[in-house]
Amino acid sequence: MLKRIAAVLLVMIMATVMFAQKKDKSPTEKSVSGIVTDAGGNPVPGAVVQLKNMKTLQVRSFIAKEKGDYYFHGLSTDADYQLQAQANGKESSSRTVSTFDSHPDVVINFQVK
């Protein structure tokens, strides 16, 4: 009888341990993308979008494509990022991607004024 109770307890403990070992599915990297437009809503190809890592102060730049689209990938999930777009002497307001935002793909559109 004692062997049966010990066996049942052992099985229950093993089952508990197996279910408790869930893999952390939080993303390890982020990406930011969007479109740069002018005041009239038209895409601005050639606009420069700058991304600044607020932890390391490293700045990356992307020149918007034909449709005004830009894309940054491989961003750390443990740093805040500040973004801003510039074109033809005009600039957008700056935007921030926070570490508190758990989305792996963030979309930020800019309007240069």
C-alpha atoms as a PDB file:
ATOM      1  CA  MET A   1       0.000   0.000   0.000  1.00  0.00           C
ATOM      2  CA  LEU A   2       2.783   2.391   0.871  1.00  0.00           C
ATOM      3  CA  LYS A   3       4.465   1.639  -2.477  1.00  0.00           C
ATOM      4  CA  ARG A   4       1.276   2.541  -4.369  1.00  0.00           C
ATOM      5  CA  ILE A   5       0.903   5.871  -2.565  1.00  0.00           C
ATOM      6  CA  ALA A   6       4.568   6.676  -3.231  1.00  0.00           C
ATOM      7  CA  ALA A   7       4.141   5.760  -6.918  1.00  0.00           C
ATOM      8  CA  VAL A   8       1.028   7.945  -7.263  1.00  0.00           C
ATOM      9  CA  LEU A   9       2.786  10.864  -5.571  1.00  0.00           C
ATOM     10  CA  LEU A  10       5.807  10.431  -7.825  1.00  0.00           C
ATOM     11  CA  VAL A  11       3.623  10.493 -10.946  1.00  0.00           C
ATOM     12  CA  MET A  12       1.786  13.591  -9.711  1.00  0.00           C
ATOM     13  CA  ILE A  13       5.054  15.401  -8.968  1.00  0.00           C
ATOM     14  CA  MET A  14       6.475  14.532 -12.392  1.00  0.00           C
ATOM     15  CA  ALA A  15       3.289  15.707 -14.124  1.00  0.00           C
ATOM     16  CA  THR A  16       3.378  18.971 -12.205  1.00  0.00           C
ATOM     17  CA  VAL A  17       7.014  19.577 -13.155  1.00  0.00           C
ATOM     18  CA  MET A  18       6.358  18.798 -16.823  1.00  0.00           C
ATOM     19  CA  PHE A  19       3.410  21.203 -17.053  1.00  0.00           C
ATOM     20  CA  ALA A  20       5.298  23.898 -15.154  1.00  0.00           C
ATOM     21  CA  GLN A  21       8.116  23.913 -17.719  1.00  0.00           C
ATOM     22  CA  LYS A  22       6.405  26.113 -20.288  1.00  0.00           C
ATOM     23  CA  LYS A  23       8.732  27.779 -22.731  1.00  0.00           C
ATOM     24  CA  ASP A  24       8.849  31.553 -22.557  1.00  0.00           C
ATOM     25  CA  LYS A  25       7.277  32.662 -25.810  1.00  0.00           C
ATOM     26  CA  SER A  26       8.026  36.353 -25.431  1.00  0.00           C
ATOM     27  CA  PRO A  27       9.833  37.720 -28.490  1.00  0.00           C
ATOM     28  CA  THR A  28      13.587  38.236 -28.347  1.00  0.00           C
ATOM     29  CA  GLU A  29      13.617  40.924 -31.048  1.00  0.00           C
ATOM     30  CA  LYS A  30      11.349  43.687 -32.311  1.00  0.00           C
ATOM     31  CA  SER A  31      10.835  45.371 -35.630  1.00  0.00           C
ATOM     32  CA  VAL A  32       9.454  48.797 -36.491  1.00  0.00           C
ATOM     33  CA  SER A  33       7.986  49.733 -39.852  1.00  0.00           C
ATOM     34  CA  GLY A  34       5.696  52.326 -41.357  1.00  0.00           C
ATOM     35  CA  ILE A  35       5.153  54.907 -44.083  1.00  0.00           C
ATOM     36  CA  VAL A  36       6.336  58.503 -44.303  1.00  0.00           C
ATOM     37  CA  THR A  37       3.838  60.925 -45.855  1.00  0.00           C
ATOM     38  CA  ASP A  38       3.688  64.662 -46.487  1.00  0.00           C
ATOM     39  CA  ALA A  39       0.974  67.045 -45.205  1.00  0.00           C
ATOM     40  CA  GLY A  40      -1.257  65.994 -48.117  1.00  0.00           C
ATOM     41  CA  GLY A  41      -0.986  62.288 -47.271  1.00  0.00           C
ATOM     42  CA  ASN A  42       1.288  61.493 -50.222  1.00  0.00           C
ATOM     43  CA  PRO A  43       4.194  59.062 -49.682  1.00  0.00           C
ATOM     44  CA  VAL A  44       7.622  60.671 -49.384  1.00  0.00           C
ATOM     45  CA  PRO A  45      10.261  58.485 -51.054  1.00  0.00           C
ATOM     46  CA  GLY A  46      13.776  59.338 -49.934  1.00  0.00           C
ATOM     47  CA  ALA A  47      12.711  60.546 -46.485  1.00  0.00           C
ATOM     48  CA  VAL A  48      15.276  59.700 -43.826  1.00  0.00           C
ATOM     49  CA  VAL A  49      13.929  57.880 -40.784  1.00  0.00           C
ATOM     50  CA  GLN A  50      16.273  57.826 -37.807  1.00  0.00           C
ATOM     51  CA  LEU A  51      16.015  55.324 -34.974  1.00  0.00           C
ATOM     52  CA  LYS A  52      17.903  56.023 -31.758  1.00  0.00           C
ATOM     53  CA  ASN A  53      18.498  53.343 -29.122  1.00  0.00           C
ATOM     54  CA  MET A  54      17.948  55.246 -25.871  1.00  0.00           C
ATOM     55  CA  LYS A  55      20.056  52.739 -23.935  1.00  0.00           C
ATOM     56  CA  THR A  56      23.214  52.788 -26.083  1.00  0.00           C
ATOM     57  CA  LEU A  57      22.522  56.073 -27.961  1.00  0.00           C
ATOM     58  CA  GLN A  58      23.302  54.263 -31.231  1.00  0.00           C
ATOM     59  CA  VAL A  59      21.504  55.820 -34.228  1.00  0.00           C
ATOM     60  CA  ARG A  60      20.388  53.878 -37.309  1.00  0.00           C
ATOM     61  CA  SER A  61      18.968  55.455 -40.461  1.00  0.00           C
ATOM     62  CA  PHE A  62      16.719  54.179 -43.222  1.00  0.00           C
ATOM     63  CA  ILE A  63      15.954  55.948 -46.501  1.00  0.00           C
ATOM     64  CA  ALA A  64      12.277  55.461 -47.306  1.00  0.00           C
ATOM     65  CA  LYS A  65      11.528  53.501 -50.480  1.00  0.00           C
ATOM     66  CA  GLU A  66       9.315  54.469 -53.442  1.00  0.00           C
ATOM     67  CA  LYS A  67       6.088  54.208 -51.467  1.00  0.00           C
ATOM     68  CA  GLY A  68       7.525  56.036 -48.443  1.00  0.00           C
ATOM     69  CA  ASP A  69       7.938  52.803 -46.496  1.00  0.00           C
ATOM     70  CA  TYR A  70      10.726  52.076 -44.039  1.00  0.00           C
ATOM     71  CA  TYR A  71      11.697  49.084 -41.878  1.00  0.00           C
ATOM     72  CA  PHE A  72      14.009  48.423 -38.926  1.00  0.00           C
ATOM     73  CA  HIS A  73      14.478  44.857 -37.692  1.00  0.00           C
ATOM     74  CA  GLY A  74      16.564  43.038 -35.110  1.00  0.00           C
ATOM     75  CA  LEU A  75      15.791  45.567 -32.376  1.00  0.00           C
ATOM     76  CA  SER A  76      16.365  44.669 -28.752  1.00  0.00           C
ATOM     77  CA  THR A  77      13.298  44.121 -26.584  1.00  0.00           C
ATOM     78  CA  ASP A  78      15.048  45.590 -23.535  1.00  0.00           C
ATOM     79  CA  ALA A  79      15.658  49.106 -24.889  1.00  0.00           C
ATOM     80  CA  ASP A  80      13.458  52.086 -25.711  1.00  0.00           C
ATOM     81  CA  TYR A  81      13.777  53.577 -29.197  1.00  0.00           C
ATOM     82  CA  GLN A  82      13.092  57.095 -30.436  1.00  0.00           C
ATOM     83  CA  LEU A  83      12.172  57.599 -34.107  1.00  0.00           C
ATOM     84  CA  GLN A  84      11.799  60.644 -36.332  1.00  0.00           C
ATOM     85  CA  ALA A  85      11.473  61.239 -40.069  1.00  0.00           C
ATOM     86  CA  GLN A  86      12.987  64.099 -42.112  1.00  0.00           C
ATOM     87  CA  ALA A  87      12.523  65.104 -45.739  1.00  0.00           C
ATOM     88  CA  ASN A  88      13.086  68.256 -47.787  1.00  0.00           C
ATOM     89  CA  GLY A  89      13.974  70.346 -44.732  1.00  0.00           C
ATOM     90  CA  LYS A  90      10.823  69.259 -42.888  1.00  0.00           C
ATOM     91  CA  GLU A  91      10.493  66.810 -40.044  1.00  0.00           C
ATOM     92  CA  SER A  92       7.904  64.773 -38.207  1.00  0.00           C
ATOM     93  CA  SER A  93       7.275  64.703 -34.512  1.00  0.00           C
ATOM     94  CA  SER A  94       9.365  62.120 -32.692  1.00  0.00           C
ATOM     95  CA  ARG A  95       7.797  58.871 -31.512  1.00  0.00           C
ATOM     96  CA  THR A  96       8.963  56.333 -28.952  1.00  0.00           C
ATOM     97  CA  VAL A  97       8.833  52.545 -28.906  1.00  0.00           C
ATOM     98  CA  SER A  98       8.869  51.462 -25.277  1.00  0.00           C
ATOM     99  CA  THR A  99      10.135  48.290 -23.653  1.00  0.00           C
ATOM    100  CA  PHE A 100       6.656  48.051 -22.141  1.00  0.00           C
ATOM    101  CA  ASP A 101       5.193  47.481 -25.617  1.00  0.00           C
ATOM    102  CA  SER A 102       5.239  43.701 -25.941  1.00  0.00           C
ATOM    103  CA  HIS A 103       4.310  43.623 -29.639  1.00  0.00           C
ATOM    104  CA  PRO A 104       7.125  42.153 -31.753  1.00  0.00           C
ATOM    105  CA  ASP A 105       6.115  44.198 -34.840  1.00  0.00           C
ATOM    106  CA  VAL A 106       5.375  47.872 -34.239  1.00  0.00           C
ATOM    107  CA  VAL A 107       3.918  50.105 -36.963  1.00  0.00           C
ATOM    108  CA  ILE A 108       4.593  53.842 -36.775  1.00  0.00           C
ATOM    109  CA  ASN A 109       3.618  56.129 -39.637  1.00  0.00           C
ATOM    110  CA  PHE A 110       5.105  59.615 -39.913  1.00  0.00           C
ATOM    111  CA  GLN A 111       3.896  62.841 -41.480  1.00  0.00           C
ATOM    112  CA  VAL A 112       6.559  65.428 -42.280  1.00  0.00           C
ATOM    113  CA  LYS A 113       5.374  69.035 -41.951  1.00  0.00           C
END
